[in-house]
Amino acid sequence: MKRWELAVLLMNGLACTAMGEEKLDRALVAVQRDDGKALLSWRMLKGDSADATTEIHRTNDNTKDSPILITETPCKGTCYVDAGVKIGHRYTYRLYLTGQDKPLSPANIELFEEARP
């Protein structure tokens, strides 16, 4: 390795350390599975307690219904499969830490295709 390459690597490492950690959100994502269900995935953050749980609320944007809680029990992991969706509808999901009333991260999904066998 050349001296200038080493210097660049060291400077980059120092700059990253000086900048601190990135500000991340939960990055809630919703995708349609082959069977027509919606797969939701998100991340936990460094500051979350080991026993942190989440709840998910869903709104059917086609019918403009009020948001409903779709998790029967709080989620301990970072993914959930929503089987209560219909092809041709658009949904908005909101993720909450259990016991809090401010949503952490929204996600939208529109189910286009028929479920595949």
Protein backbone atom coordinates (compact mmCIF):
# COMPACT_ATOMS: atom_id res chain seq x y z
CA MET A 1 0.00 0.00 0.00
CA LYS A 2 1.30 3.43 -0.94
CA ARG A 3 1.77 6.14 1.67
CA TRP A 4 -0.93 8.41 0.23
CA GLU A 5 -3.44 5.51 0.18
CA LEU A 6 -2.73 4.85 3.84
CA ALA A 7 -3.08 8.56 4.63
CA VAL A 8 -6.46 8.72 2.87
CA LEU A 9 -7.70 5.66 4.76
CA LEU A 10 -6.57 7.10 8.09
CA MET A 11 -8.12 10.50 7.35
CA ASN A 12 -11.37 8.86 6.30
CA GLY A 13 -11.46 6.83 9.50
CA LEU A 14 -10.81 9.91 11.62
CA ALA A 15 -13.48 11.90 9.76
CA CYS A 16 -16.04 9.14 10.31
CA THR A 17 -15.21 9.00 14.01
CA ALA A 18 -15.43 12.79 14.33
CA MET A 19 -18.82 12.87 12.59
CA GLY A 20 -20.32 10.42 15.07
CA GLU A 21 -23.09 7.94 14.42
CA GLU A 22 -25.66 8.27 11.68
CA LYS A 23 -29.22 9.24 12.61
CA LEU A 24 -31.26 6.24 11.54
CA ASP A 25 -34.97 5.65 11.69
CA ARG A 26 -36.81 2.33 11.85
CA ALA A 27 -36.91 2.07 8.04
CA LEU A 28 -40.24 0.28 8.00
CA VAL A 29 -40.65 -1.44 4.62
CA ALA A 30 -43.69 -3.25 3.23
CA VAL A 31 -43.46 -5.60 0.23
CA GLN A 32 -45.93 -7.95 -1.40
CA ARG A 33 -45.10 -11.64 -1.07
CA ASP A 34 -45.80 -14.22 -3.79
CA ASP A 35 -48.84 -15.44 -1.84
CA GLY A 36 -50.40 -11.94 -1.83
CA LYS A 37 -49.67 -11.19 1.83
CA ALA A 38 -47.68 -8.14 2.93
CA LEU A 39 -44.28 -8.63 4.55
CA LEU A 40 -43.25 -5.82 6.88
CA SER A 41 -39.70 -5.40 8.07
CA TRP A 42 -37.95 -2.76 10.21
CA ARG A 43 -34.87 -2.32 12.33
CA MET A 44 -34.35 -1.91 16.01
CA LEU A 45 -31.94 0.80 17.10
CA LYS A 46 -28.88 0.81 19.33
CA GLY A 47 -30.70 2.65 22.13
CA ASP A 48 -33.63 0.21 22.27
CA SER A 49 -33.89 -1.97 25.34
CA ALA A 50 -33.37 -5.70 24.85
CA ASP A 51 -37.03 -6.37 25.66
CA ALA A 52 -38.47 -3.62 23.41
CA THR A 53 -41.59 -4.65 21.48
CA THR A 54 -43.52 -3.01 18.67
CA GLU A 55 -47.11 -2.75 17.50
CA ILE A 56 -48.30 -2.22 13.93
CA HIS A 57 -51.35 -0.25 12.80
CA ARG A 58 -52.76 -0.54 9.27
CA THR A 59 -54.98 1.87 7.31
CA ASN A 60 -56.77 0.78 4.12
CA ASP A 61 -56.27 3.85 1.92
CA ASN A 62 -59.02 2.69 -0.48
CA THR A 63 -61.77 2.69 2.17
CA LYS A 64 -60.33 5.47 4.37
CA ASP A 65 -61.07 3.39 7.45
CA SER A 66 -59.54 4.35 10.77
CA PRO A 67 -56.19 2.72 11.54
CA ILE A 68 -56.48 -0.70 13.19
CA LEU A 69 -54.00 -2.53 15.38
CA ILE A 70 -53.04 -5.66 13.41
CA THR A 71 -50.61 -7.26 15.86
CA GLU A 72 -52.52 -9.39 18.37
CA THR A 73 -49.54 -9.37 20.69
CA PRO A 74 -46.58 -6.98 20.59
CA CYS A 75 -43.84 -8.04 18.14
CA LYS A 76 -40.53 -9.05 19.66
CA GLY A 77 -38.72 -9.31 16.32
CA THR A 78 -38.24 -7.07 13.32
CA CYS A 79 -40.66 -8.53 10.79
CA TYR A 80 -44.35 -9.35 10.48
CA VAL A 81 -46.57 -10.92 7.81
CA ASP A 82 -49.95 -9.25 7.31
CA ALA A 83 -52.44 -11.78 5.92
CA GLY A 84 -55.40 -9.39 6.19
CA VAL A 85 -54.78 -7.51 2.94
CA LYS A 86 -56.57 -7.60 -0.43
CA ILE A 87 -55.19 -7.39 -3.95
CA GLY A 88 -55.93 -4.01 -5.56
CA HIS A 89 -55.88 -2.10 -2.26
CA ARG A 90 -53.32 0.37 -0.95
CA TYR A 91 -52.32 0.30 2.70
CA THR A 92 -50.38 2.54 5.05
CA TYR A 93 -48.62 0.95 8.00
CA ARG A 94 -47.38 2.69 11.12
CA LEU A 95 -44.97 1.18 13.60
CA TYR A 96 -45.11 2.05 17.32
CA LEU A 97 -42.97 1.06 20.27
CA THR A 98 -45.35 -0.68 22.67
CA GLY A 99 -46.87 1.81 25.08
CA GLN A 100 -46.08 4.90 22.99
CA ASP A 101 -48.53 6.87 20.89
CA LYS A 102 -46.13 8.50 18.41
CA PRO A 103 -45.51 6.41 15.27
CA LEU A 104 -41.89 5.58 14.58
CA SER A 105 -41.97 5.07 10.85
CA PRO A 106 -44.65 4.86 8.14
CA ALA A 107 -44.67 2.59 5.07
CA ASN A 108 -47.03 2.28 2.12
CA ILE A 109 -47.82 -0.69 -0.12
CA GLU A 110 -50.17 -1.21 -3.03
CA LEU A 111 -51.02 -4.82 -3.83
CA PHE A 112 -51.13 -5.18 -7.60
CA GLU A 113 -50.86 -8.82 -8.57
CA GLU A 114 -52.92 -11.86 -7.87
CA ALA A 115 -51.33 -14.32 -5.48
CA ARG A 116 -49.18 -16.90 -7.19
CA PRO A 117 -49.65 -20.62 -6.43
